Amino acid sequence: GLARGAPMDSTQLLKGVLDTAVLAVLDRGNTYGYDLVRQLRAGGFDEVGDASVYGTLRRLFGGGYLTSEIMPSEEGPARKYYGLNRAGSDLLERSKKTWHDFATAMDRLLEGEEE
C-alpha cells in the first residue's frame, strides 16, 4: 500500500506501459538497447532501468514482434539493432487504443465526471 502523502510509485506504473513505450520508440526507427533506454529517458521516463528495457526487448523479440540485426559499430563491439515487424506494428496499434481508453477512463475518474 501507499504511505499517506507518498507519491504514486511511478516505477510500478512504468512496468505496465513499458512494452508500449518500447514499441513506440521502435516505431520511429530501428535502434539498439542502450539508445532505446536513452530515448525513453529523454522522453520523460527518467527512472527506467536498463535491465527492464533489455528484458522487454528480449520478451517482445521472443514473442515474435521484433526484428533483430547485428550491426557493426565504430565505437566498439557490434550492436544488436531491433525494429518492429508487422506483428509488432499491429501490437502497437492495439496497445495505443488500450492506452487511450484507459487514460480516458482514468481522467474521468480523477476529474469526478459523471458518465
N, C-alpha and C. Protein backbone atom coordinates (compact mmCIF):
# COMPACT_ATOMS: atom_id res chain seq x y z
N GLY A 1 0.83 -1.20 0.00
CA GLY A 1 0.00 0.00 0.00
C GLY A 1 0.86 1.25 0.00
N LEU A 2 0.25 2.37 -0.30
CA LEU A 2 0.98 3.63 -0.34
C LEU A 2 0.89 4.32 1.01
N ALA A 3 2.03 4.83 1.46
CA ALA A 3 2.02 5.62 2.69
C ALA A 3 1.23 6.90 2.43
N ARG A 4 0.61 7.44 3.48
CA ARG A 4 -0.15 8.68 3.33
C ARG A 4 0.80 9.79 2.83
N GLY A 5 0.40 10.44 1.77
CA GLY A 5 1.20 11.54 1.26
C GLY A 5 2.35 11.09 0.35
N ALA A 6 2.54 9.77 0.23
CA ALA A 6 3.62 9.32 -0.65
C ALA A 6 3.18 9.47 -2.11
N PRO A 7 4.10 9.84 -2.98
CA PRO A 7 3.70 9.93 -4.39
C PRO A 7 3.42 8.53 -4.91
N MET A 8 2.61 8.46 -5.94
CA MET A 8 2.35 7.17 -6.56
C MET A 8 3.69 6.63 -7.07
N ASP A 9 3.92 5.36 -6.88
CA ASP A 9 5.19 4.78 -7.31
C ASP A 9 5.21 4.65 -8.83
N SER A 10 5.92 5.56 -9.48
CA SER A 10 5.90 5.58 -10.94
C SER A 10 6.58 4.36 -11.54
N THR A 11 7.46 3.69 -10.79
CA THR A 11 8.11 2.51 -11.34
C THR A 11 7.09 1.39 -11.56
N GLN A 12 6.09 1.29 -10.67
CA GLN A 12 5.04 0.28 -10.84
C GLN A 12 4.20 0.59 -12.07
N LEU A 13 3.86 1.86 -12.23
CA LEU A 13 3.10 2.28 -13.41
C LEU A 13 3.89 1.98 -14.67
N LEU A 14 5.18 2.29 -14.61
CA LEU A 14 6.04 2.14 -15.77
C LEU A 14 6.07 0.71 -16.28
N LYS A 15 6.14 -0.25 -15.34
CA LYS A 15 6.18 -1.66 -15.74
C LYS A 15 5.03 -2.00 -16.66
N GLY A 16 3.86 -1.47 -16.35
CA GLY A 16 2.67 -1.79 -17.12
C GLY A 16 2.65 -1.19 -18.51
N VAL A 17 3.42 -0.13 -18.72
CA VAL A 17 3.38 0.54 -20.03
C VAL A 17 4.68 0.44 -20.79
N LEU A 18 5.66 -0.27 -20.21
CA LEU A 18 6.99 -0.31 -20.85
C LEU A 18 6.96 -0.98 -22.22
N ASP A 19 6.19 -2.05 -22.37
CA ASP A 19 6.09 -2.70 -23.68
C ASP A 19 5.64 -1.69 -24.73
N THR A 20 4.59 -0.95 -24.41
CA THR A 20 4.05 0.03 -25.36
C THR A 20 5.05 1.15 -25.62
N ALA A 21 5.74 1.60 -24.57
CA ALA A 21 6.74 2.67 -24.73
C ALA A 21 7.88 2.21 -25.64
N VAL A 22 8.33 0.97 -25.44
CA VAL A 22 9.42 0.42 -26.26
C VAL A 22 8.96 0.30 -27.72
N LEU A 23 7.75 -0.21 -27.93
CA LEU A 23 7.21 -0.33 -29.30
C LEU A 23 7.11 1.05 -29.96
N ALA A 24 6.69 2.05 -29.18
CA ALA A 24 6.53 3.40 -29.72
C ALA A 24 7.88 3.98 -30.16
N VAL A 25 8.93 3.75 -29.38
CA VAL A 25 10.26 4.23 -29.77
C VAL A 25 10.74 3.51 -31.03
N LEU A 26 10.53 2.19 -31.08
CA LEU A 26 10.98 1.42 -32.25
C LEU A 26 10.18 1.79 -33.50
N ASP A 27 8.98 2.30 -33.31
CA ASP A 27 8.15 2.73 -34.44
C ASP A 27 8.81 3.90 -35.17
N ARG A 28 9.65 4.66 -34.45
CA ARG A 28 10.34 5.79 -35.08
C ARG A 28 11.54 5.34 -35.90
N GLY A 29 12.02 4.12 -35.63
CA GLY A 29 13.18 3.62 -36.38
C GLY A 29 13.92 2.57 -35.57
N ASN A 30 14.64 1.71 -36.25
CA ASN A 30 15.39 0.65 -35.58
C ASN A 30 16.48 1.25 -34.69
N THR A 31 16.71 0.63 -33.56
CA THR A 31 17.78 1.09 -32.68
C THR A 31 18.24 -0.04 -31.79
N TYR A 32 19.29 0.20 -31.02
CA TYR A 32 19.86 -0.81 -30.13
C TYR A 32 19.49 -0.47 -28.69
N GLY A 33 19.71 -1.44 -27.81
CA GLY A 33 19.23 -1.34 -26.43
C GLY A 33 19.57 -0.06 -25.70
N TYR A 34 20.86 0.30 -25.67
CA TYR A 34 21.22 1.46 -24.86
C TYR A 34 20.62 2.75 -25.41
N ASP A 35 20.57 2.86 -26.74
CA ASP A 35 19.99 4.07 -27.32
C ASP A 35 18.48 4.12 -27.04
N LEU A 36 17.86 2.96 -26.99
CA LEU A 36 16.44 2.89 -26.65
C LEU A 36 16.21 3.41 -25.22
N VAL A 37 17.07 2.98 -24.31
CA VAL A 37 17.00 3.48 -22.92
C VAL A 37 17.13 5.00 -22.91
N ARG A 38 18.11 5.51 -23.67
CA ARG A 38 18.36 6.95 -23.73
C ARG A 38 17.14 7.70 -24.27
N GLN A 39 16.52 7.16 -25.32
CA GLN A 39 15.34 7.81 -25.90
C GLN A 39 14.16 7.81 -24.92
N LEU A 40 13.99 6.70 -24.20
CA LEU A 40 12.91 6.64 -23.20
C LEU A 40 13.14 7.68 -22.11
N ARG A 41 14.39 7.78 -21.64
CA ARG A 41 14.70 8.77 -20.59
C ARG A 41 14.50 10.18 -21.10
N ALA A 42 14.92 10.42 -22.33
CA ALA A 42 14.74 11.75 -22.93
C ALA A 42 13.26 12.07 -23.07
N GLY A 43 12.45 11.02 -23.26
CA GLY A 43 11.01 11.20 -23.42
C GLY A 43 10.27 11.36 -22.11
N GLY A 44 10.99 11.32 -20.99
CA GLY A 44 10.36 11.56 -19.70
C GLY A 44 10.32 10.36 -18.78
N PHE A 45 10.75 9.20 -19.26
CA PHE A 45 10.80 8.00 -18.40
C PHE A 45 12.15 7.96 -17.70
N ASP A 46 12.39 8.94 -16.81
CA ASP A 46 13.71 9.11 -16.20
C ASP A 46 14.14 7.90 -15.39
N GLU A 47 13.17 7.20 -14.80
CA GLU A 47 13.53 6.14 -13.86
C GLU A 47 13.64 4.77 -14.50
N VAL A 48 13.51 4.70 -15.82
CA VAL A 48 13.53 3.39 -16.46
C VAL A 48 14.93 2.77 -16.33
N GLY A 49 14.96 1.51 -15.91
CA GLY A 49 16.24 0.82 -15.74
C GLY A 49 16.65 0.10 -17.00
N ASP A 50 17.97 0.04 -17.23
CA ASP A 50 18.49 -0.66 -18.40
C ASP A 50 17.97 -2.10 -18.44
N ALA A 51 18.05 -2.78 -17.29
CA ALA A 51 17.67 -4.20 -17.24
C ALA A 51 16.21 -4.39 -17.66
N SER A 52 15.33 -3.49 -17.23
CA SER A 52 13.90 -3.59 -17.59
C SER A 52 13.72 -3.48 -19.10
N VAL A 53 14.45 -2.54 -19.69
CA VAL A 53 14.32 -2.31 -21.13
C VAL A 53 14.87 -3.50 -21.91
N TYR A 54 16.06 -3.99 -21.51
CA TYR A 54 16.64 -5.15 -22.21
C TYR A 54 15.73 -6.37 -22.05
N GLY A 55 15.15 -6.56 -20.87
CA GLY A 55 14.22 -7.67 -20.64
C GLY A 55 12.99 -7.55 -21.53
N THR A 56 12.48 -6.34 -21.66
CA THR A 56 11.31 -6.08 -22.50
C THR A 56 11.64 -6.37 -23.97
N LEU A 57 12.81 -5.93 -24.42
CA LEU A 57 13.23 -6.21 -25.80
C LEU A 57 13.31 -7.71 -26.05
N ARG A 58 13.93 -8.43 -25.11
CA ARG A 58 14.06 -9.89 -25.30
C ARG A 58 12.69 -10.55 -25.34
N ARG A 59 11.79 -10.11 -24.45
CA ARG A 59 10.45 -10.72 -24.39
C ARG A 59 9.66 -10.42 -25.67
N LEU A 60 9.71 -9.16 -26.13
CA LEU A 60 8.99 -8.80 -27.35
C LEU A 60 9.57 -9.53 -28.56
N PHE A 61 10.90 -9.67 -28.59
CA PHE A 61 11.54 -10.40 -29.69
C PHE A 61 11.12 -11.87 -29.64
N GLY A 62 11.16 -12.45 -28.44
CA GLY A 62 10.77 -13.84 -28.25
C GLY A 62 9.31 -14.07 -28.62
N GLY A 63 8.48 -13.05 -28.44
CA GLY A 63 7.06 -13.15 -28.77
C GLY A 63 6.78 -12.99 -30.26
N GLY A 64 7.83 -12.67 -31.04
CA GLY A 64 7.65 -12.56 -32.49
C GLY A 64 7.25 -11.18 -32.97
N TYR A 65 7.49 -10.13 -32.15
CA TYR A 65 7.05 -8.78 -32.51
C TYR A 65 8.15 -7.90 -33.08
N LEU A 66 9.41 -8.36 -32.98
CA LEU A 66 10.54 -7.52 -33.39
C LEU A 66 11.45 -8.24 -34.36
N THR A 67 12.13 -7.45 -35.16
CA THR A 67 13.24 -7.95 -35.97
C THR A 67 14.52 -7.65 -35.18
N SER A 68 15.57 -8.40 -35.44
CA SER A 68 16.85 -8.02 -34.84
C SER A 68 17.95 -8.28 -35.84
N GLU A 69 18.97 -7.45 -35.77
CA GLU A 69 20.05 -7.49 -36.75
C GLU A 69 21.32 -7.00 -36.07
N ILE A 70 22.40 -7.75 -36.22
CA ILE A 70 23.69 -7.33 -35.66
C ILE A 70 24.34 -6.35 -36.63
N MET A 71 24.71 -5.19 -36.12
CA MET A 71 25.32 -4.15 -36.96
C MET A 71 26.67 -3.76 -36.39
N PRO A 72 27.68 -3.59 -37.25
CA PRO A 72 28.97 -3.15 -36.75
C PRO A 72 28.87 -1.75 -36.15
N SER A 73 29.74 -1.45 -35.19
CA SER A 73 29.74 -0.14 -34.56
C SER A 73 31.15 0.43 -34.63
N GLU A 74 31.23 1.74 -34.88
CA GLU A 74 32.55 2.37 -34.93
C GLU A 74 33.16 2.51 -33.55
N GLU A 75 32.30 2.54 -32.51
CA GLU A 75 32.79 2.81 -31.17
C GLU A 75 33.19 1.57 -30.38
N GLY A 76 32.91 0.38 -30.88
CA GLY A 76 33.23 -0.79 -30.09
C GLY A 76 32.64 -2.04 -30.72
N PRO A 77 32.17 -2.97 -29.87
CA PRO A 77 31.62 -4.21 -30.41
C PRO A 77 30.35 -3.96 -31.23
N ALA A 78 30.03 -4.93 -32.08
CA ALA A 78 28.82 -4.85 -32.90
C ALA A 78 27.61 -4.75 -31.98
N ARG A 79 26.55 -4.12 -32.47
CA ARG A 79 25.34 -3.92 -31.67
C ARG A 79 24.17 -4.65 -32.31
N LYS A 80 23.27 -5.10 -31.45
CA LYS A 80 22.04 -5.73 -31.94
C LYS A 80 20.98 -4.64 -32.06
N TYR A 81 20.56 -4.41 -33.29
CA TYR A 81 19.50 -3.42 -33.56
C TYR A 81 18.16 -4.13 -33.63
N TYR A 82 17.17 -3.54 -32.98
CA TYR A 82 15.81 -4.08 -33.01
C TYR A 82 14.92 -3.16 -33.82
N GLY A 83 13.90 -3.75 -34.42
CA GLY A 83 12.90 -2.99 -35.16
C GLY A 83 11.55 -3.68 -35.04
N LEU A 84 10.51 -3.00 -35.51
CA LEU A 84 9.17 -3.58 -35.49
C LEU A 84 8.94 -4.38 -36.76
N ASN A 85 8.35 -5.56 -36.63
CA ASN A 85 7.84 -6.25 -37.81
C ASN A 85 6.33 -5.98 -37.87
N ARG A 86 5.65 -6.66 -38.78
CA ARG A 86 4.22 -6.41 -38.95
C ARG A 86 3.44 -6.69 -37.66
N ALA A 87 3.80 -7.82 -37.00
CA ALA A 87 3.10 -8.18 -35.76
C ALA A 87 3.35 -7.11 -34.69
N GLY A 88 4.57 -6.55 -34.65
CA GLY A 88 4.91 -5.51 -33.68
C GLY A 88 4.13 -4.23 -33.94
N SER A 89 3.99 -3.88 -35.21
CA SER A 89 3.20 -2.68 -35.58
C SER A 89 1.74 -2.86 -35.19
N ASP A 90 1.21 -4.07 -35.43
CA ASP A 90 -0.17 -4.36 -35.07
C ASP A 90 -0.36 -4.30 -33.56
N LEU A 91 0.61 -4.85 -32.82
CA LEU A 91 0.54 -4.81 -31.35
C LEU A 91 0.57 -3.37 -30.86
N LEU A 92 1.41 -2.55 -31.48
CA LEU A 92 1.48 -1.13 -31.08
C LEU A 92 0.13 -0.45 -31.30
N GLU A 93 -0.49 -0.71 -32.44
CA GLU A 93 -1.80 -0.09 -32.71
C GLU A 93 -2.84 -0.50 -31.66
N ARG A 94 -2.86 -1.80 -31.33
CA ARG A 94 -3.81 -2.27 -30.31
C ARG A 94 -3.48 -1.65 -28.94
N SER A 95 -2.19 -1.57 -28.63
CA SER A 95 -1.76 -1.01 -27.34
C SER A 95 -2.11 0.47 -27.22
N LYS A 96 -1.99 1.19 -28.34
CA LYS A 96 -2.34 2.62 -28.35
C LYS A 96 -3.80 2.79 -27.99
N LYS A 97 -4.65 1.96 -28.61
CA LYS A 97 -6.08 2.06 -28.34
C LYS A 97 -6.37 1.74 -26.87
N THR A 98 -5.77 0.66 -26.37
CA THR A 98 -5.94 0.27 -24.97
C THR A 98 -5.51 1.41 -24.05
N TRP A 99 -4.34 1.99 -24.34
CA TRP A 99 -3.80 3.08 -23.52
C TRP A 99 -4.76 4.27 -23.53
N HIS A 100 -5.24 4.67 -24.71
CA HIS A 100 -6.13 5.83 -24.80
C HIS A 100 -7.44 5.59 -24.05
N ASP A 101 -7.97 4.37 -24.19
CA ASP A 101 -9.21 4.03 -23.47
C ASP A 101 -8.99 4.09 -21.96
N PHE A 102 -7.86 3.54 -21.53
CA PHE A 102 -7.52 3.51 -20.11
C PHE A 102 -7.32 4.93 -19.57
N ALA A 103 -6.56 5.73 -20.31
CA ALA A 103 -6.27 7.10 -19.88
C ALA A 103 -7.54 7.93 -19.80
N THR A 104 -8.44 7.72 -20.76
CA THR A 104 -9.71 8.46 -20.78
C THR A 104 -10.55 8.09 -19.55
N ALA A 105 -10.63 6.79 -19.26
CA ALA A 105 -11.39 6.33 -18.10
C ALA A 105 -10.78 6.87 -16.81
N MET A 106 -9.46 6.84 -16.70
CA MET A 106 -8.78 7.34 -15.52
C MET A 106 -8.99 8.85 -15.35
N ASP A 107 -8.90 9.58 -16.45
CA ASP A 107 -9.14 11.03 -16.39
C ASP A 107 -10.55 11.32 -15.87
N ARG A 108 -11.53 10.55 -16.39
CA ARG A 108 -12.92 10.75 -15.95
C ARG A 108 -13.03 10.53 -14.44
N LEU A 109 -12.42 9.45 -13.96
CA LEU A 109 -12.46 9.14 -12.53
C LEU A 109 -11.80 10.24 -11.71
N LEU A 110 -10.62 10.65 -12.13
CA LEU A 110 -9.86 11.63 -11.37
C LEU A 110 -10.54 12.99 -11.36
N GLU A 111 -11.24 13.30 -12.46
CA GLU A 111 -11.92 14.59 -12.54
C GLU A 111 -13.33 14.54 -11.98
N GLY A 112 -13.75 13.32 -11.58
CA GLY A 112 -15.05 13.18 -10.93
C GLY A 112 -16.23 13.43 -11.83
N GLU A 113 -16.06 13.19 -13.13
CA GLU A 113 -17.18 13.41 -14.05
C GLU A 113 -18.15 12.24 -13.99
N GLU A 114 -19.41 12.56 -14.20
CA GLU A 114 -20.43 11.51 -14.29
C GLU A 114 -20.37 10.93 -15.70
N GLU A 115 -20.74 9.67 -15.80
CA GLU A 115 -20.81 9.05 -17.14
C GLU A 115 -21.84 9.77 -17.98
